[in-house]
Protein backbone atom coordinates (compact mmCIF):
# COMPACT_ATOMS: atom_id res chain seq x y z
CA MET A 1 0.16 -0.26 -0.04
CA GLY A 2 1.07 3.58 -0.74
CA GLU A 3 3.75 2.69 -3.68
CA GLN A 4 2.51 3.98 -6.38
CA THR A 5 2.82 7.35 -7.41
CA SER A 6 3.06 9.98 -4.64
CA TYR A 7 5.57 7.38 -2.91
CA GLY A 8 8.22 8.50 -5.24
CA ASN A 9 6.97 12.24 -5.41
CA ALA A 10 9.33 15.10 -4.05
CA GLY A 11 7.22 15.23 -0.75
CA VAL A 12 6.38 19.06 -1.31
CA ILE A 13 2.74 19.97 -0.12
CA GLU A 14 2.68 22.84 -2.41
CA GLY A 15 0.28 24.71 -0.21
CA ASN A 16 2.00 27.76 -2.26
CA THR A 17 1.27 26.68 -5.34
CA VAL A 18 0.17 29.66 -8.08
CA PHE A 19 0.01 28.70 -11.96
CA PRO A 20 -0.81 24.77 -13.19
CA PRO A 21 2.31 23.50 -15.53
CA ALA A 22 1.69 25.25 -18.72
CA PHE A 23 3.32 24.14 -21.98
CA PRO A 24 6.40 25.47 -23.10
CA SER A 25 6.13 28.98 -24.75
CA ASP A 26 9.60 29.73 -25.51
CA PRO A 27 10.98 28.20 -29.16
CA GLY A 28 13.94 27.56 -27.63
CA ALA A 29 12.59 25.10 -25.21
CA LEU A 30 9.96 23.30 -27.43
CA ALA A 31 13.07 22.62 -30.19
CA ARG A 32 15.19 21.17 -26.89
CA ILE A 33 12.16 19.11 -26.07
CA ALA A 34 11.24 18.00 -30.11
CA LEU A 35 15.20 17.00 -30.74
CA LYS A 36 15.28 15.22 -27.23
CA ARG A 37 17.82 17.16 -25.71
CA ALA A 38 16.17 19.03 -23.12
CA SER A 39 16.27 17.85 -19.52
CA GLU A 40 13.03 18.99 -17.99
CA ALA A 41 11.31 16.54 -20.77
CA ASN A 42 11.64 13.60 -22.83
CA TYR A 43 8.63 11.50 -25.01
CA HIS A 44 8.39 8.23 -26.46
CA LEU A 45 8.33 8.80 -30.94
CA SER A 46 5.48 6.00 -30.78
CA PHE A 47 3.44 7.87 -28.38
CA LEU A 48 2.78 10.52 -29.65
CA PRO A 49 0.22 10.10 -31.95
CA GLN A 50 -1.82 8.63 -29.17
CA ILE A 51 -0.90 11.77 -26.46
CA ALA A 52 -0.94 14.52 -29.53
CA PRO A 53 -4.85 15.60 -29.09
CA TRP A 54 -3.99 15.93 -25.17
CA LEU A 55 -1.29 18.06 -25.93
CA LEU A 56 -3.11 19.92 -28.35
CA ALA A 57 -5.93 20.51 -25.64
CA PHE A 58 -3.33 21.19 -22.94
CA ARG A 59 -1.52 24.05 -24.91
CA ALA A 60 -4.91 25.53 -25.53
CA ALA A 61 -5.21 25.43 -21.63
CA SER A 62 -1.78 27.29 -21.43
CA ARG A 63 -2.89 30.17 -22.73
CA PRO A 64 -2.10 33.10 -20.12
CA GLN A 65 -6.06 33.99 -19.67
CA LEU A 66 -7.06 30.18 -18.92
CA LEU A 67 -3.67 29.87 -16.39
CA VAL A 68 -4.97 32.82 -14.51
CA GLU A 69 -8.28 30.94 -14.48
CA ASN A 70 -7.56 27.97 -13.29
CA ALA A 71 -4.75 29.11 -10.68
CA ARG A 72 -8.32 30.82 -9.23
CA LEU A 73 -10.81 28.04 -9.70
CA ILE A 74 -7.59 25.45 -7.81
CA ARG A 75 -6.85 28.11 -4.92
CA PRO A 76 -9.48 26.89 -2.39
CA LEU A 77 -8.16 23.17 -2.48
CA PHE A 78 -4.22 24.15 -2.22
CA ALA A 79 -5.04 26.78 0.51
CA ARG A 80 -6.57 23.95 2.63
CA ALA A 81 -3.32 21.34 1.66
CA VAL A 82 -0.90 22.02 4.75
CA ALA A 83 -3.63 22.31 6.80
CA GLU A 84 -5.63 18.96 5.91
CA HIS A 85 -2.01 16.77 6.39
CA GLU A 86 -1.21 18.60 9.67
CA ALA A 87 -4.57 17.08 11.21
CA LEU A 88 -4.54 13.49 9.75
CA MET A 89 -0.45 13.88 10.62
CA ALA A 90 -1.49 14.08 14.37
CA GLU A 91 -3.99 11.80 14.24
CA SER A 92 -1.92 9.22 12.53
CA GLY A 93 0.94 9.86 14.60
CA ALA A 94 2.98 10.92 11.68
CA ALA A 95 3.90 14.33 12.06
CA HIS A 96 7.69 14.08 12.36
CA TYR A 97 7.95 13.18 8.74
CA LEU A 98 6.35 16.80 8.39
CA ARG A 99 9.44 19.34 8.19
CA LYS A 100 7.39 23.00 7.53
CA THR A 101 10.42 24.90 5.87
CA GLY A 102 8.82 26.09 2.66
CA TRP A 103 11.17 25.68 -0.47
CA LEU A 104 13.11 27.25 -2.73
CA LYS A 105 13.21 27.89 -6.19
CA VAL A 106 16.52 28.82 -8.08
CA TYR A 107 16.63 30.64 -11.59
CA ARG A 108 19.76 30.89 -13.21
CA SER A 109 18.81 33.62 -15.77
CA GLU A 110 17.98 36.50 -15.81
CA ARG A 111 15.02 36.10 -18.27
CA SER A 112 13.38 33.31 -16.48
CA PHE A 113 13.59 35.31 -13.14
CA ALA A 114 11.68 38.21 -14.60
CA ALA A 115 9.06 36.27 -16.32
CA LEU A 116 7.76 35.72 -12.82
CA LYS A 117 6.13 38.89 -12.38
CA PRO A 118 2.28 37.77 -13.23
CA GLU A 119 2.66 34.63 -11.05
CA PHE A 120 4.57 37.41 -8.25
CA GLU A 121 1.52 39.44 -8.85
CA LEU A 122 -0.96 36.56 -8.49
CA ALA A 123 0.49 35.24 -5.75
CA ALA A 124 0.15 38.74 -3.57
CA GLN A 125 -3.38 38.74 -4.56
CA PHE A 126 -4.10 35.39 -3.03
CA GLY A 127 -2.07 35.92 -0.21
CA LEU A 128 0.75 34.09 -0.27
CA PRO A 129 4.01 35.29 0.87
CA LEU A 130 7.33 34.46 -1.09
CA GLN A 131 11.03 35.91 -0.97
CA ALA A 132 12.93 36.86 -3.95
CA LEU A 133 16.32 36.15 -3.03
CA ASP A 134 19.87 36.59 -4.53
CA THR A 135 22.69 34.35 -4.55
CA ALA A 136 23.78 35.03 -1.35
CA GLY A 137 20.43 35.29 0.63
CA ALA A 138 19.44 31.92 -0.89
CA GLN A 139 23.19 30.60 0.51
CA ALA A 140 21.80 31.68 3.75
CA LEU A 141 18.90 28.93 4.06
CA GLU A 142 20.90 26.35 1.84
CA PRO A 143 24.73 27.85 2.33
CA SER A 144 25.56 24.25 0.42
CA LEU A 145 24.10 25.06 -2.91
CA ASN A 146 26.82 26.41 -5.29
CA PRO A 147 26.45 29.69 -6.45
CA VAL A 148 25.69 29.27 -10.49
CA PHE A 149 21.99 30.94 -10.05
CA ALA A 150 21.13 34.21 -10.54
CA HIS A 151 18.29 34.41 -8.02
CA ALA A 152 16.18 32.49 -6.21
CA VAL A 153 12.37 32.63 -4.71
CA TYR A 154 11.87 31.35 -1.55
CA TRP A 155 8.02 29.98 -0.47
CA PRO A 156 7.50 30.13 3.36
CA GLU A 157 4.27 28.12 3.44
CA ALA A 158 4.90 25.06 1.54
CA ALA A 159 5.57 22.21 3.69
CA SER A 160 7.28 19.22 2.71
CA VAL A 161 8.18 15.54 4.15
CA SER A 162 10.84 12.87 4.75
CA ASN A 163 8.72 10.04 4.15
CA PRO A 164 6.22 9.62 1.73
CA LEU A 165 5.77 6.15 2.19
CA GLY A 166 5.62 6.92 5.88
CA VAL A 167 3.34 9.29 5.51
CA THR A 168 1.02 7.10 3.61
CA ARG A 169 1.32 3.95 5.57
CA ALA A 170 0.73 5.95 9.18
CA TYR A 171 -2.48 7.63 7.36
CA ALA A 172 -4.10 3.71 6.27
CA ALA A 173 -3.32 2.32 9.83
CA ARG A 174 -5.33 5.44 11.35
CA PHE A 175 -8.11 4.23 8.78
CA SER A 176 -7.78 0.86 10.30
CA ALA A 177 -7.81 1.81 13.83
CA LEU A 178 -10.87 4.00 13.04
CA GLY A 179 -12.85 0.53 11.88
CA GLY A 180 -11.52 0.95 8.13
CA VAL A 181 -11.30 -2.74 6.38
CA THR A 182 -8.47 -3.10 3.53
CA LEU A 183 -9.02 -6.27 0.51
CA THR A 184 -7.06 -6.86 -1.99
CA GLY A 185 -9.15 -7.17 -5.75
CA ASP A 186 -9.11 -5.98 -9.34
CA ALA A 187 -10.68 -2.57 -9.79
CA ARG A 188 -11.61 -3.57 -13.33
CA SER A 189 -14.00 -5.87 -11.97
CA LEU A 190 -16.54 -2.78 -10.67
CA HIS A 191 -19.90 -3.47 -12.36
CA ARG A 192 -23.53 -2.90 -11.24
CA SER A 193 -25.63 -5.45 -9.04
CA GLY A 194 -28.93 -4.68 -9.26
CA GLN A 195 -29.30 -0.93 -7.71
CA ARG A 196 -25.57 -1.50 -6.54
CA TRP A 197 -22.04 -1.70 -7.23
CA ARG A 198 -19.94 -4.91 -7.05
CA VAL A 199 -16.46 -5.13 -7.24
CA GLU A 200 -14.63 -8.47 -7.08
CA THR A 201 -11.42 -8.89 -3.97
CA ASN A 202 -9.76 -12.02 -2.51
CA GLU A 203 -12.30 -12.32 0.30
CA GLY A 204 -15.77 -12.44 -2.47
CA GLY A 205 -17.33 -10.10 -3.82
CA ILE A 206 -18.48 -6.43 -2.17
CA ASP A 207 -21.61 -4.80 -2.47
CA ALA A 208 -21.76 -0.80 -2.04
CA ALA A 209 -24.95 1.83 -2.99
CA GLU A 210 -22.08 4.36 -3.80
CA VAL A 211 -18.11 3.60 -4.86
CA VAL A 212 -15.41 6.65 -5.02
CA VAL A 213 -13.27 5.34 -8.26
CA ALA A 214 -9.56 7.09 -7.15
CA LEU A 215 -6.77 5.08 -8.97
CA GLY A 216 -5.12 7.38 -10.06
CA PRO A 217 -3.07 6.81 -13.29
CA TRP A 218 -5.51 3.31 -13.79
CA ALA A 219 -8.37 5.32 -13.66
CA GLY A 220 -9.19 5.22 -17.00
CA ASP A 221 -9.18 1.96 -17.82
CA LEU A 222 -12.17 1.18 -15.16
CA LEU A 223 -14.10 4.17 -16.46
CA SER A 224 -13.72 3.31 -20.25
CA SER A 225 -15.17 0.13 -19.08
CA LEU A 226 -18.31 1.61 -17.92
CA GLY A 227 -18.72 3.75 -20.67
CA LEU A 228 -17.22 6.98 -19.75
CA LYS A 229 -14.25 8.44 -21.22
CA LEU A 230 -12.30 11.68 -19.98
CA PRO A 231 -9.10 13.12 -21.28
CA LEU A 232 -6.60 11.68 -18.54
CA MET A 233 -2.93 10.97 -19.41
CA VAL A 234 0.21 10.46 -17.53
CA LYS A 235 3.14 12.18 -17.06
CA ARG A 236 5.94 9.85 -15.96
CA GLY A 237 8.91 10.81 -13.84
CA TYR A 238 11.31 8.99 -12.18
CA HIS A 239 13.77 9.84 -9.10
CA ARG A 240 17.11 8.24 -7.55
CA HIS A 241 18.65 9.25 -4.41
CA PHE A 242 21.84 9.96 -3.52
CA HIS A 243 24.56 10.65 -0.70
CA ALA A 244 25.94 14.27 0.22
CA GLN A 245 29.63 14.43 -0.16
CA GLY A 246 30.99 15.40 3.12
CA ASN A 247 28.89 17.66 5.45
CA ALA A 248 27.10 19.23 2.79
CA VAL A 249 23.08 19.23 3.85
CA LEU A 250 19.65 20.18 2.60
CA ALA A 251 17.00 21.90 4.54
CA ARG A 252 13.87 21.95 2.07
CA PRO A 253 13.38 20.83 -1.26
CA VAL A 254 14.92 23.08 -3.36
CA LEU A 255 13.65 23.14 -8.04
CA ASP A 256 16.54 24.25 -10.35
CA THR A 257 13.61 25.42 -12.68
CA GLY A 258 15.59 25.64 -15.79
CA ALA A 259 17.53 22.63 -15.40
CA GLY A 260 14.16 20.44 -14.59
CA TYR A 261 14.63 18.52 -11.60
CA LEU A 262 14.30 18.92 -7.55
CA ILE A 263 16.43 17.71 -5.01
CA THR A 264 14.82 17.15 -1.81
CA PRO A 265 16.32 16.14 1.56
CA MET A 266 14.62 12.10 2.09
CA GLN A 267 14.96 9.74 5.16
CA GLN A 268 16.62 7.54 2.19
CA GLY A 269 19.46 10.24 0.84
CA ILE A 270 19.31 13.08 -1.25
CA ARG A 271 16.19 11.92 -3.31
CA MET A 272 16.26 13.60 -7.04
CA THR A 273 13.21 13.61 -9.32
CA THR A 274 13.46 14.36 -12.81
CA GLY A 275 10.85 16.61 -14.93
CA VAL A 276 7.82 14.57 -17.05
CA GLU A 277 8.08 11.83 -19.68
CA PHE A 278 5.33 11.38 -22.11
CA ALA A 279 5.05 7.85 -22.62
CA ALA A 280 2.49 4.56 -22.25
CA ARG A 281 2.28 3.94 -18.57
CA ASP A 282 2.71 0.52 -18.61
CA ALA A 283 6.16 0.94 -21.49
CA ALA A 284 9.96 -0.04 -20.18
CA PRO A 285 11.84 2.56 -18.28
CA SER A 286 13.59 4.91 -20.38
CA PRO A 287 15.74 7.35 -17.53
CA VAL A 288 17.76 8.78 -19.89
CA GLN A 289 17.05 12.56 -18.41
CA PHE A 290 19.37 11.51 -15.63
CA GLU A 291 22.09 11.50 -17.75
CA ARG A 292 21.46 15.35 -18.95
CA ILE A 293 20.37 16.29 -15.45
CA MET A 294 23.47 15.13 -13.44
CA PRO A 295 25.74 17.82 -14.67
CA LYS A 296 23.68 20.65 -13.64
CA VAL A 297 22.69 18.97 -10.38
CA ARG A 298 26.51 18.39 -9.51
CA GLU A 299 26.94 22.17 -10.29
CA LEU A 300 24.27 23.36 -7.78
CA PHE A 301 25.20 20.63 -5.23
CA PRO A 302 27.73 18.28 -4.04
CA LEU A 303 25.99 15.13 -4.46
CA GLY A 304 28.07 12.17 -4.23
CA GLU A 305 27.51 8.34 -4.94
CA ARG A 306 24.35 6.92 -5.11
CA VAL A 307 22.59 5.50 -2.03
CA ASP A 308 21.38 2.00 -4.13
CA ASP A 309 20.98 1.10 -7.88
CA GLN A 310 17.13 1.57 -8.46
CA THR A 311 15.84 4.29 -10.28
CA TRP A 312 11.99 4.51 -9.28
CA LEU A 313 9.73 4.99 -12.45
CA GLY A 314 5.83 6.50 -11.84
CA SER A 315 3.32 8.08 -13.58
CA ARG A 316 1.24 11.22 -12.56
CA PRO A 317 -2.26 11.23 -13.80
CA CYS A 318 -3.06 14.47 -15.65
CA LEU A 319 -5.89 16.21 -16.93
CA PRO A 320 -5.28 18.84 -19.90
CA ASP A 321 -6.42 22.32 -17.44
CA SER A 322 -4.28 20.65 -14.21
CA ARG A 323 -7.57 20.43 -12.43
CA PRO A 324 -8.26 17.50 -10.59
CA VAL A 325 -11.75 15.79 -11.15
CA ILE A 326 -14.32 15.64 -7.78
CA GLY A 327 -17.45 14.64 -7.01
CA ARG A 328 -20.22 12.26 -9.27
CA ALA A 329 -19.87 10.13 -12.44
CA PRO A 330 -21.70 11.76 -15.35
CA GLY A 331 -24.44 8.97 -15.95
CA LEU A 332 -23.10 6.60 -13.21
CA ALA A 333 -25.41 6.73 -10.44
CA GLY A 334 -23.83 5.89 -7.19
CA LEU A 335 -20.42 6.41 -8.23
CA TRP A 336 -18.06 8.94 -7.41
CA LEU A 337 -14.71 10.03 -8.90
CA ALA A 338 -11.53 11.48 -7.05
CA ILE A 339 -8.85 10.91 -9.86
CA GLY A 340 -6.65 13.73 -12.19
CA HIS A 341 -4.48 15.55 -9.25
CA ALA A 342 -1.67 15.41 -11.86
CA HIS A 343 1.78 16.61 -10.12
CA TRP A 344 -0.37 16.82 -6.27
CA GLY A 345 -1.76 13.91 -5.71
CA LEU A 346 0.19 13.99 -2.44
CA THR A 347 -0.39 17.70 -1.71
CA LEU A 348 -4.06 17.50 -2.35
CA GLY A 349 -5.48 13.84 -1.53
CA PRO A 350 -6.51 14.79 2.29
CA ALA A 351 -8.27 18.47 0.82
CA THR A 352 -10.04 16.12 -1.59
CA GLY A 353 -11.05 13.98 0.63
CA ARG A 354 -12.96 16.19 2.69
CA MET A 355 -14.78 17.41 0.10
CA ILE A 356 -15.67 14.26 -1.45
CA ALA A 357 -17.16 13.23 1.78
CA GLU A 358 -18.97 16.47 2.32
CA MET A 359 -20.31 15.84 -0.80
CA MET A 360 -21.10 12.05 -0.46
CA MET A 361 -22.65 12.89 3.13
CA GLY A 362 -24.78 16.12 1.90
CA GLU A 363 -22.91 18.58 3.82
CA ALA A 364 -22.04 21.84 2.44
CA PRO A 365 -18.17 21.32 1.19
CA PHE A 366 -15.97 23.78 1.84
CA CYS A 367 -15.80 25.57 -0.93
CA ASP A 368 -17.69 25.00 -4.08
CA PRO A 369 -16.68 21.98 -6.09
CA ALA A 370 -18.21 23.41 -9.94
CA PRO A 371 -14.90 23.50 -11.10
CA TYR A 372 -13.68 20.03 -10.75
CA ARG A 373 -17.08 18.46 -12.02
CA ALA A 374 -16.43 16.09 -14.81
CA GLU A 375 -18.95 17.49 -17.04
CA ARG A 376 -16.24 20.25 -18.11
CA PHE A 377 -15.12 17.64 -20.46
CA LEU A 378 -18.45 16.36 -21.52
CA LYS A 379 -19.98 18.79 -23.71
């Protein structure tokens, strides 16, 4: 349990998020990606025909006015992210995993830093604090960083965890302590049985009047079989763990924005996560981004040897507008959806759970659920 996508992420609880990811607008960046020279993105050529319609929709949703609109629509979820995790961690005995040290983003060029003006303006409207730092200011926070960047931004309201798997298992243990039961089965067996839903498990069939589908990158397999087709695609990502050289340390996640990677302190060592890879969910791993990233990482931080020889691969379930789907499944009475959280599965999990529980109980949800309805893709 807990060993899929969020197990391998950067462990950041992004209560500070302003803009969702956007399709690259810089021709140079697009050219590097197309030529498979970019560190921030990779793709499998054979997968392009399948993902092309999704990429076009993603590009359309990346227009500046739509990015602002989506930022506003998703903000209520992010605003609850850290508080909901804190409450669950306190209940489940997982508070020792939580770091409220913010996170740091570094910018190697004047151009990339200057492009942040719209984000700064919207952050101010949202009441999100940030600190724009020069190299020395960033090194005051993270003394082990080398001065290969011109600017940095510190987001103090972000939190992070030192072991996402440990957090997930603590939450699962709390669920069991409250009387919850965990069974193993094939979610694809979900079907109508009279007026109820049935799923087959290793303990036999389980019937329920209402069911929540929260299957991450596998949600499309089930929903397609039930006749509901949503534009859900995956962005794959990788991580590896390293020792730090000498006395080098990190206190928080650090994102090297132009180089397309993040380093963060974990219980397993310094975790380095890659950017995105567009490939079939179940295709063989192709961690070529590490070859492009490693020189940049070692410029910024004194990484040592690998902790182990394993390279982890996970798939982020993404919708074109980067908003999750939370709510009733159209045309399927009693079926609820909590899918498509993209880069924010860990961040938004508890807030999503609260929202869907409130809706299922007939209570007023903590924010307007309309922006997260699946119907926006079925017009």
